[in-house]
Amino acid sequence: MNKIRRKKLQEIIDRANSILCVLEELKEEEEAYRDNIPENLHNSERYEKAETACDSLYEAISYLEEVTQNIEIAIEC
């Protein structure tokens, strides 16, 4: 891989890392929201939606981390 493509890929990684930071902050906020729902509402639709949002954000973060790892591997080639 040439220097120009490596540089472009590194720029993508940098942007992805910025997005990861925002996603992690939002996940933490949603977890805090979920955790502050009173225990008697843990079987409610409100709690279930918050739980689903937390799970989805966790998956999005995991996928994006995997993407950046794969790009890093490509850069090393």
C-alpha atoms as a PDB file:
ATOM      1  CA  MET A   1       0.000   0.000   0.000  1.00  0.00           C
ATOM      2  CA  ASN A   2       1.342   3.392  -0.880  1.00  0.00           C
ATOM      3  CA  LYS A   3       1.751   6.394   1.385  1.00  0.00           C
ATOM      4  CA  ILE A   4      -1.254   8.300  -0.012  1.00  0.00           C
ATOM      5  CA  ARG A   5      -3.694   5.436   0.632  1.00  0.00           C
ATOM      6  CA  ARG A   6      -2.234   4.873   4.093  1.00  0.00           C
ATOM      7  CA  LYS A   7      -2.754   8.540   4.893  1.00  0.00           C
ATOM      8  CA  LYS A   8      -6.387   8.430   3.704  1.00  0.00           C
ATOM      9  CA  LEU A   9      -7.030   5.313   5.758  1.00  0.00           C
ATOM     10  CA  GLN A  10      -5.478   6.940   8.821  1.00  0.00           C
ATOM     11  CA  GLU A  11      -7.800   9.903   8.344  1.00  0.00           C
ATOM     12  CA  ILE A  12     -10.747   7.496   8.333  1.00  0.00           C
ATOM     13  CA  ILE A  13      -9.476   5.923  11.557  1.00  0.00           C
ATOM     14  CA  ASP A  14      -9.140   9.360  13.150  1.00  0.00           C
ATOM     15  CA  ARG A  15     -12.730  10.254  12.209  1.00  0.00           C
ATOM     16  CA  ALA A  16     -13.972   6.875  13.418  1.00  0.00           C
ATOM     17  CA  ASN A  17     -12.227   7.407  16.750  1.00  0.00           C
ATOM     18  CA  SER A  18     -13.985  10.760  17.129  1.00  0.00           C
ATOM     19  CA  ILE A  19     -17.305   9.066  16.420  1.00  0.00           C
ATOM     20  CA  LEU A  20     -16.434   6.334  18.922  1.00  0.00           C
ATOM     21  CA  CYS A  21     -15.930   8.932  21.636  1.00  0.00           C
ATOM     22  CA  VAL A  22     -19.338  10.449  20.985  1.00  0.00           C
ATOM     23  CA  LEU A  23     -21.014   7.035  20.867  1.00  0.00           C
ATOM     24  CA  GLU A  24     -19.412   6.037  24.161  1.00  0.00           C
ATOM     25  CA  GLU A  25     -20.586   9.259  25.816  1.00  0.00           C
ATOM     26  CA  LEU A  26     -24.118   8.721  24.537  1.00  0.00           C
ATOM     27  CA  LYS A  27     -24.079   5.092  25.683  1.00  0.00           C
ATOM     28  CA  GLU A  28     -22.987   6.168  29.159  1.00  0.00           C
ATOM     29  CA  GLU A  29     -25.749   8.785  29.283  1.00  0.00           C
ATOM     30  CA  GLU A  30     -28.349   6.243  28.193  1.00  0.00           C
ATOM     31  CA  GLU A  31     -27.059   3.724  30.759  1.00  0.00           C
ATOM     32  CA  ALA A  32     -27.328   6.359  33.469  1.00  0.00           C
ATOM     33  CA  TYR A  33     -30.872   7.145  32.337  1.00  0.00           C
ATOM     34  CA  ARG A  34     -31.776   3.441  32.364  1.00  0.00           C
ATOM     35  CA  ASP A  35     -30.144   2.879  35.743  1.00  0.00           C
ATOM     36  CA  ASN A  36     -32.109   5.765  37.264  1.00  0.00           C
ATOM     37  CA  ILE A  37     -35.470   4.349  36.247  1.00  0.00           C
ATOM     38  CA  PRO A  38     -37.203   3.264  39.463  1.00  0.00           C
ATOM     39  CA  GLU A  39     -37.070  -0.464  40.139  1.00  0.00           C
ATOM     40  CA  ASN A  40     -40.847  -0.800  39.998  1.00  0.00           C
ATOM     41  CA  LEU A  41     -40.673   0.299  36.316  1.00  0.00           C
ATOM     42  CA  HIS A  42     -37.987  -2.197  35.248  1.00  0.00           C
ATOM     43  CA  ASN A  43     -40.600  -4.253  33.387  1.00  0.00           C
ATOM     44  CA  SER A  44     -42.046  -1.204  31.656  1.00  0.00           C
ATOM     45  CA  GLU A  45     -41.802  -0.236  27.999  1.00  0.00           C
ATOM     46  CA  ARG A  46     -39.726   2.790  29.007  1.00  0.00           C
ATOM     47  CA  TYR A  47     -37.095   0.588  30.643  1.00  0.00           C
ATOM     48  CA  GLU A  48     -37.112  -1.912  27.768  1.00  0.00           C
ATOM     49  CA  LYS A  49     -36.538   0.873  25.235  1.00  0.00           C
ATOM     50  CA  ALA A  50     -33.640   2.246  27.269  1.00  0.00           C
ATOM     51  CA  GLU A  51     -32.175  -1.259  27.570  1.00  0.00           C
ATOM     52  CA  THR A  52     -32.479  -1.798  23.812  1.00  0.00           C
ATOM     53  CA  ALA A  53     -30.847   1.562  23.135  1.00  0.00           C
ATOM     54  CA  CYS A  54     -27.933   0.674  25.436  1.00  0.00           C
ATOM     55  CA  ASP A  55     -27.479  -2.697  23.761  1.00  0.00           C
ATOM     56  CA  SER A  56     -27.622  -1.153  20.285  1.00  0.00           C
ATOM     57  CA  LEU A  57     -25.085   1.528  21.153  1.00  0.00           C
ATOM     58  CA  TYR A  58     -22.786  -1.126  22.629  1.00  0.00           C
ATOM     59  CA  GLU A  59     -23.029  -3.127  19.389  1.00  0.00           C
ATOM     60  CA  ALA A  60     -22.404  -0.039  17.258  1.00  0.00           C
ATOM     61  CA  ILE A  61     -19.286   0.744  19.294  1.00  0.00           C
ATOM     62  CA  SER A  62     -18.053  -2.839  18.961  1.00  0.00           C
ATOM     63  CA  TYR A  63     -18.597  -2.853  15.203  1.00  0.00           C
ATOM     64  CA  LEU A  64     -16.860   0.481  14.743  1.00  0.00           C
ATOM     65  CA  GLU A  65     -13.897  -0.709  16.820  1.00  0.00           C
ATOM     66  CA  GLU A  66     -13.687  -3.789  14.605  1.00  0.00           C
ATOM     67  CA  VAL A  67     -13.766  -1.609  11.501  1.00  0.00           C
ATOM     68  CA  THR A  68     -10.892   0.548  12.755  1.00  0.00           C
ATOM     69  CA  GLN A  69      -8.884  -2.563  13.658  1.00  0.00           C
ATOM     70  CA  ASN A  70      -9.357  -3.943  10.154  1.00  0.00           C
ATOM     71  CA  ILE A  71      -8.309  -0.653   8.606  1.00  0.00           C
ATOM     72  CA  GLU A  72      -5.198  -0.651  10.803  1.00  0.00           C
ATOM     73  CA  ILE A  73      -4.358  -4.131   9.513  1.00  0.00           C
ATOM     74  CA  ALA A  74      -4.767  -2.882   5.939  1.00  0.00           C
ATOM     75  CA  ILE A  75      -2.416   0.029   6.660  1.00  0.00           C
ATOM     76  CA  GLU A  76       0.250  -2.375   7.872  1.00  0.00           C
ATOM     77  CA  CYS A  77       0.146  -4.375   4.636  1.00  0.00           C
END
